[in-house]
Amino acid sequence: MTLATSTVSLITLGAISVCTIVRTDAHEAKSGWTYPPACCKAQGLVGDCEAIPAQGISRGPRGFSVFLHAGDHHLATKPHLFFIPYGDEIPSGDGRYHICLHPTENDVNCFFSPPDSS
């Protein structure tokens, strides 16, 4: 194997590695399912969708109350209380609650709930 062949092989391996890293980016939940493109408006490796603790979710007669503490979602820097009417939730791909905040932490773009939670 020549030096040129070794260099080309290393560059190819590096490009494949970079593509693999980008493939598991912010549009994908840590559990491996992919958020719908309309929900995840991420740029680069930092997304706006993330799993949230079930303790902050309660069901009422008309919908979900979602209470986020600062840090429950990587964009939440202060407490938030959101109301999600029944029918506006999207079935979660991993059985957990998720929320997409966009364009700011004050705005819910999408809310995912386990299929049996409404």
N, C-alpha and C. Protein backbone atom coordinates (compact mmCIF):
# COMPACT_ATOMS: atom_id res chain seq x y z
N MET A 1 0.86 -1.18 0.00
CA MET A 1 0.00 0.00 0.00
C MET A 1 0.90 1.23 0.00
N THR A 2 0.62 2.14 -0.89
CA THR A 2 1.43 3.35 -1.02
C THR A 2 0.95 4.41 -0.04
N LEU A 3 1.74 5.43 0.11
CA LEU A 3 1.37 6.55 0.99
C LEU A 3 0.10 7.23 0.49
N ALA A 4 -0.03 7.38 -0.82
CA ALA A 4 -1.22 8.03 -1.39
C ALA A 4 -2.47 7.19 -1.13
N THR A 5 -2.37 5.87 -1.26
CA THR A 5 -3.50 4.98 -1.00
C THR A 5 -3.89 5.03 0.47
N SER A 6 -2.91 5.05 1.36
CA SER A 6 -3.17 5.15 2.80
C SER A 6 -3.87 6.46 3.13
N THR A 7 -3.42 7.54 2.54
CA THR A 7 -4.02 8.85 2.79
C THR A 7 -5.48 8.88 2.32
N VAL A 8 -5.73 8.36 1.13
CA VAL A 8 -7.10 8.32 0.60
C VAL A 8 -7.97 7.46 1.50
N SER A 9 -7.46 6.33 1.97
CA SER A 9 -8.22 5.45 2.86
C SER A 9 -8.56 6.17 4.17
N LEU A 10 -7.62 6.88 4.73
CA LEU A 10 -7.86 7.61 5.98
C LEU A 10 -8.89 8.74 5.77
N ILE A 11 -8.80 9.44 4.67
CA ILE A 11 -9.74 10.52 4.38
C ILE A 11 -11.14 9.94 4.20
N THR A 12 -11.25 8.83 3.49
CA THR A 12 -12.55 8.19 3.28
C THR A 12 -13.14 7.73 4.61
N LEU A 13 -12.33 7.11 5.45
CA LEU A 13 -12.78 6.66 6.77
C LEU A 13 -13.24 7.85 7.61
N GLY A 14 -12.51 8.95 7.56
CA GLY A 14 -12.90 10.15 8.31
C GLY A 14 -14.22 10.72 7.82
N ALA A 15 -14.42 10.75 6.51
CA ALA A 15 -15.67 11.27 5.95
C ALA A 15 -16.85 10.40 6.36
N ILE A 16 -16.67 9.08 6.34
CA ILE A 16 -17.74 8.17 6.77
C ILE A 16 -18.06 8.40 8.24
N SER A 17 -17.05 8.59 9.06
CA SER A 17 -17.27 8.83 10.50
C SER A 17 -18.05 10.11 10.73
N VAL A 18 -17.71 11.17 10.02
CA VAL A 18 -18.41 12.45 10.17
C VAL A 18 -19.86 12.29 9.75
N CYS A 19 -20.11 11.61 8.65
CA CYS A 19 -21.49 11.41 8.18
C CYS A 19 -22.28 10.60 9.19
N THR A 20 -21.66 9.63 9.82
CA THR A 20 -22.34 8.82 10.83
C THR A 20 -22.68 9.65 12.04
N ILE A 21 -21.79 10.52 12.47
CA ILE A 21 -22.04 11.38 13.62
C ILE A 21 -23.18 12.34 13.32
N VAL A 22 -23.19 12.95 12.16
CA VAL A 22 -24.24 13.89 11.79
C VAL A 22 -25.59 13.17 11.69
N ARG A 23 -25.59 11.90 11.29
CA ARG A 23 -26.83 11.15 11.14
C ARG A 23 -27.57 11.01 12.46
N THR A 24 -26.88 10.85 13.57
CA THR A 24 -27.52 10.76 14.88
C THR A 24 -27.46 12.13 15.53
N ASP A 25 -28.18 13.05 14.98
CA ASP A 25 -28.12 14.43 15.45
C ASP A 25 -29.36 14.81 16.24
N ALA A 26 -29.63 16.08 16.32
CA ALA A 26 -30.69 16.62 17.16
C ALA A 26 -32.09 16.23 16.71
N HIS A 27 -32.24 15.71 15.50
CA HIS A 27 -33.56 15.33 15.01
C HIS A 27 -33.96 13.94 15.50
N GLU A 28 -33.10 13.33 16.27
CA GLU A 28 -33.32 11.97 16.73
C GLU A 28 -33.32 11.97 18.26
N ALA A 29 -34.33 11.30 18.84
CA ALA A 29 -34.39 11.17 20.30
C ALA A 29 -33.26 10.27 20.77
N LYS A 30 -32.85 10.41 22.01
CA LYS A 30 -31.78 9.58 22.55
C LYS A 30 -32.11 8.10 22.46
N SER A 31 -33.41 7.77 22.48
CA SER A 31 -33.83 6.37 22.39
C SER A 31 -33.77 5.84 20.96
N GLY A 32 -33.56 6.73 19.97
CA GLY A 32 -33.34 6.29 18.60
C GLY A 32 -34.44 6.58 17.60
N TRP A 33 -35.63 6.98 18.03
CA TRP A 33 -36.66 7.31 17.03
C TRP A 33 -36.49 8.75 16.57
N THR A 34 -36.97 9.03 15.39
CA THR A 34 -36.75 10.33 14.76
C THR A 34 -37.96 11.23 14.93
N TYR A 35 -37.70 12.46 15.35
CA TYR A 35 -38.78 13.45 15.45
C TYR A 35 -39.23 13.85 14.04
N PRO A 36 -40.52 14.12 13.85
CA PRO A 36 -40.97 14.59 12.53
C PRO A 36 -40.27 15.90 12.16
N PRO A 37 -39.92 16.07 10.90
CA PRO A 37 -39.22 17.29 10.48
C PRO A 37 -39.98 18.57 10.82
N ALA A 38 -41.30 18.54 10.80
CA ALA A 38 -42.08 19.74 11.13
C ALA A 38 -41.94 20.13 12.59
N CYS A 39 -41.52 19.18 13.43
CA CYS A 39 -41.39 19.45 14.87
C CYS A 39 -39.99 19.91 15.24
N CYS A 40 -39.00 19.30 14.65
CA CYS A 40 -37.62 19.58 15.01
C CYS A 40 -37.03 20.60 14.05
N LYS A 41 -36.81 21.78 14.54
CA LYS A 41 -36.27 22.87 13.72
C LYS A 41 -34.79 23.08 14.00
N ALA A 42 -34.12 22.01 14.41
CA ALA A 42 -32.73 22.11 14.88
C ALA A 42 -31.77 22.53 13.79
N GLN A 43 -30.73 23.16 14.23
CA GLN A 43 -29.60 23.48 13.38
C GLN A 43 -28.38 22.84 14.02
N GLY A 44 -27.67 22.03 13.29
CA GLY A 44 -26.47 21.39 13.84
C GLY A 44 -26.83 20.28 14.81
N LEU A 45 -26.05 20.18 15.88
CA LEU A 45 -26.22 19.08 16.82
C LEU A 45 -27.07 19.44 18.04
N VAL A 46 -27.55 20.67 18.13
CA VAL A 46 -28.38 21.06 19.27
C VAL A 46 -29.80 21.24 18.77
N GLY A 47 -30.71 20.41 19.25
CA GLY A 47 -32.09 20.45 18.78
C GLY A 47 -33.02 21.15 19.72
N ASP A 48 -34.27 21.20 19.34
CA ASP A 48 -35.29 21.83 20.16
C ASP A 48 -36.28 20.82 20.71
N CYS A 49 -36.09 19.53 20.42
CA CYS A 49 -36.95 18.46 20.92
C CYS A 49 -36.17 17.62 21.93
N GLU A 50 -36.88 17.20 22.97
CA GLU A 50 -36.20 16.41 24.00
C GLU A 50 -37.25 15.71 24.87
N ALA A 51 -36.88 14.55 25.41
CA ALA A 51 -37.73 13.86 26.38
C ALA A 51 -37.83 14.72 27.64
N ILE A 52 -38.99 14.68 28.29
CA ILE A 52 -39.20 15.44 29.52
C ILE A 52 -39.73 14.51 30.60
N PRO A 53 -39.54 14.87 31.87
CA PRO A 53 -39.99 14.00 32.97
C PRO A 53 -41.51 13.84 33.02
N ALA A 54 -41.96 12.62 33.22
CA ALA A 54 -43.40 12.33 33.32
C ALA A 54 -44.02 12.99 34.55
N GLN A 55 -43.23 13.26 35.59
CA GLN A 55 -43.76 13.87 36.81
C GLN A 55 -44.35 15.25 36.56
N GLY A 56 -43.90 15.92 35.51
CA GLY A 56 -44.40 17.26 35.21
C GLY A 56 -45.66 17.27 34.34
N ILE A 57 -46.20 16.09 34.03
CA ILE A 57 -47.36 15.99 33.14
C ILE A 57 -48.57 15.57 33.95
N SER A 58 -49.67 16.28 33.79
CA SER A 58 -50.93 15.84 34.38
C SER A 58 -52.02 15.94 33.32
N ARG A 59 -53.01 15.05 33.44
CA ARG A 59 -54.12 15.03 32.49
C ARG A 59 -55.36 15.60 33.15
N GLY A 60 -55.99 16.53 32.48
CA GLY A 60 -57.22 17.12 32.96
C GLY A 60 -58.37 16.78 32.03
N PRO A 61 -59.53 17.38 32.26
CA PRO A 61 -60.68 17.04 31.44
C PRO A 61 -60.54 17.45 29.97
N ARG A 62 -59.70 18.44 29.67
CA ARG A 62 -59.59 18.93 28.29
C ARG A 62 -58.22 18.75 27.65
N GLY A 63 -57.25 18.31 28.46
CA GLY A 63 -55.92 18.16 27.88
C GLY A 63 -54.83 17.96 28.91
N PHE A 64 -53.61 18.08 28.44
CA PHE A 64 -52.42 17.88 29.25
C PHE A 64 -51.94 19.21 29.82
N SER A 65 -51.58 19.22 31.09
CA SER A 65 -50.83 20.33 31.67
C SER A 65 -49.38 19.87 31.76
N VAL A 66 -48.51 20.64 31.19
CA VAL A 66 -47.09 20.29 31.14
C VAL A 66 -46.33 21.34 31.93
N PHE A 67 -45.74 20.90 33.05
CA PHE A 67 -44.93 21.82 33.86
C PHE A 67 -43.47 21.44 33.68
N LEU A 68 -42.70 22.40 33.20
CA LEU A 68 -41.26 22.21 33.04
C LEU A 68 -40.52 23.07 34.05
N HIS A 69 -39.63 22.44 34.79
CA HIS A 69 -38.69 23.19 35.62
C HIS A 69 -37.50 23.58 34.75
N ALA A 70 -36.77 24.57 35.16
CA ALA A 70 -35.52 24.91 34.46
C ALA A 70 -34.65 23.66 34.44
N GLY A 71 -34.17 23.30 33.26
CA GLY A 71 -33.31 22.13 33.12
C GLY A 71 -34.04 20.84 32.74
N ASP A 72 -35.38 20.81 32.84
CA ASP A 72 -36.12 19.61 32.42
C ASP A 72 -35.99 19.38 30.92
N HIS A 73 -35.77 20.45 30.19
CA HIS A 73 -35.51 20.44 28.75
C HIS A 73 -34.29 21.34 28.58
N HIS A 74 -33.38 20.99 27.69
CA HIS A 74 -32.13 21.76 27.61
C HIS A 74 -32.32 23.23 27.24
N LEU A 75 -33.48 23.60 26.70
CA LEU A 75 -33.73 25.01 26.40
C LEU A 75 -34.45 25.75 27.53
N ALA A 76 -35.00 25.01 28.49
CA ALA A 76 -35.78 25.62 29.58
C ALA A 76 -34.84 26.22 30.63
N THR A 77 -34.85 27.54 30.71
CA THR A 77 -34.00 28.24 31.69
C THR A 77 -34.81 28.76 32.87
N LYS A 78 -36.14 28.59 32.80
CA LYS A 78 -37.03 29.05 33.86
C LYS A 78 -38.25 28.13 33.87
N PRO A 79 -39.07 28.16 34.91
CA PRO A 79 -40.28 27.31 34.93
C PRO A 79 -41.28 27.72 33.85
N HIS A 80 -41.96 26.71 33.30
CA HIS A 80 -42.99 26.94 32.28
C HIS A 80 -44.19 26.05 32.57
N LEU A 81 -45.38 26.54 32.29
CA LEU A 81 -46.60 25.74 32.35
C LEU A 81 -47.28 25.89 31.00
N PHE A 82 -47.43 24.75 30.31
CA PHE A 82 -48.07 24.73 29.00
C PHE A 82 -49.35 23.90 29.07
N PHE A 83 -50.34 24.25 28.28
CA PHE A 83 -51.56 23.46 28.15
C PHE A 83 -51.61 22.90 26.73
N ILE A 84 -51.79 21.59 26.62
CA ILE A 84 -51.88 20.92 25.32
C ILE A 84 -53.26 20.26 25.24
N PRO A 85 -54.17 20.77 24.41
CA PRO A 85 -55.50 20.16 24.30
C PRO A 85 -55.41 18.72 23.77
N TYR A 86 -56.31 17.86 24.24
CA TYR A 86 -56.37 16.51 23.69
C TYR A 86 -56.59 16.60 22.19
N GLY A 87 -55.91 15.77 21.47
CA GLY A 87 -55.98 15.78 20.01
C GLY A 87 -54.80 16.51 19.38
N ASP A 88 -54.13 17.38 20.16
CA ASP A 88 -52.95 18.09 19.65
C ASP A 88 -51.67 17.32 19.93
N GLU A 89 -51.74 16.30 20.79
CA GLU A 89 -50.55 15.52 21.10
C GLU A 89 -50.25 14.56 19.95
N ILE A 90 -48.98 14.17 19.85
CA ILE A 90 -48.52 13.23 18.84
C ILE A 90 -48.06 11.98 19.58
N PRO A 91 -48.41 10.78 19.10
CA PRO A 91 -47.94 9.57 19.79
C PRO A 91 -46.41 9.51 19.81
N SER A 92 -45.88 9.24 20.97
CA SER A 92 -44.44 9.14 21.15
C SER A 92 -43.93 7.84 20.55
N GLY A 93 -42.74 7.90 19.98
CA GLY A 93 -42.13 6.72 19.38
C GLY A 93 -41.41 5.82 20.35
N ASP A 94 -41.29 6.24 21.61
CA ASP A 94 -40.57 5.41 22.59
C ASP A 94 -41.32 5.27 23.91
N GLY A 95 -42.58 5.70 23.96
CA GLY A 95 -43.36 5.54 25.19
C GLY A 95 -43.06 6.58 26.26
N ARG A 96 -42.32 7.62 25.93
CA ARG A 96 -42.01 8.70 26.87
C ARG A 96 -42.62 10.00 26.37
N TYR A 97 -42.70 10.97 27.29
CA TYR A 97 -43.15 12.31 26.91
C TYR A 97 -41.97 13.07 26.32
N HIS A 98 -42.23 13.84 25.26
CA HIS A 98 -41.22 14.70 24.63
C HIS A 98 -41.90 16.02 24.30
N ILE A 99 -41.09 17.06 24.23
CA ILE A 99 -41.61 18.36 23.81
C ILE A 99 -40.56 19.04 22.93
N CYS A 100 -41.06 19.76 21.93
CA CYS A 100 -40.20 20.55 21.04
C CYS A 100 -40.54 22.02 21.29
N LEU A 101 -39.55 22.77 21.68
CA LEU A 101 -39.72 24.19 21.96
C LEU A 101 -39.09 24.99 20.81
N HIS A 102 -39.92 25.81 20.16
CA HIS A 102 -39.41 26.57 19.02
C HIS A 102 -40.41 27.68 18.70
N PRO A 103 -40.05 28.88 18.41
CA PRO A 103 -38.69 29.36 18.21
C PRO A 103 -37.97 29.74 19.50
N THR A 104 -38.70 29.83 20.61
CA THR A 104 -38.05 30.12 21.90
C THR A 104 -38.51 29.08 22.91
N GLU A 105 -37.95 29.14 24.10
CA GLU A 105 -38.35 28.22 25.16
C GLU A 105 -39.79 28.48 25.63
N ASN A 106 -40.39 29.58 25.22
CA ASN A 106 -41.75 29.92 25.61
C ASN A 106 -42.81 29.35 24.68
N ASP A 107 -42.40 28.69 23.61
CA ASP A 107 -43.33 28.24 22.57
C ASP A 107 -43.22 26.74 22.35
N VAL A 108 -44.37 26.05 22.46
CA VAL A 108 -44.41 24.61 22.17
C VAL A 108 -44.69 24.44 20.68
N ASN A 109 -43.80 23.75 20.01
CA ASN A 109 -44.00 23.43 18.61
C ASN A 109 -44.69 22.07 18.47
N CYS A 110 -44.25 21.07 19.24
CA CYS A 110 -44.86 19.74 19.23
C CYS A 110 -44.76 19.12 20.62
N PHE A 111 -45.77 18.32 20.95
CA PHE A 111 -45.80 17.59 22.22
C PHE A 111 -46.10 16.13 21.91
N PHE A 112 -45.28 15.24 22.44
CA PHE A 112 -45.43 13.80 22.22
C PHE A 112 -45.79 13.13 23.54
N SER A 113 -46.77 12.24 23.47
CA SER A 113 -47.16 11.51 24.67
C SER A 113 -47.21 10.02 24.34
N PRO A 114 -47.03 9.17 25.36
CA PRO A 114 -47.18 7.74 25.13
C PRO A 114 -48.57 7.46 24.56
N PRO A 115 -48.71 6.52 23.66
CA PRO A 115 -50.00 6.28 22.99
C PRO A 115 -51.18 6.05 23.92
N ASP A 116 -50.97 5.51 25.11
CA ASP A 116 -52.08 5.22 26.02
C ASP A 116 -52.35 6.30 27.05
N SER A 117 -51.77 7.51 26.85
CA SER A 117 -51.86 8.52 27.91
C SER A 117 -53.00 9.52 27.77
N SER A 118 -53.76 9.51 26.68
CA SER A 118 -54.84 10.50 26.56
C SER A 118 -56.16 9.94 27.00
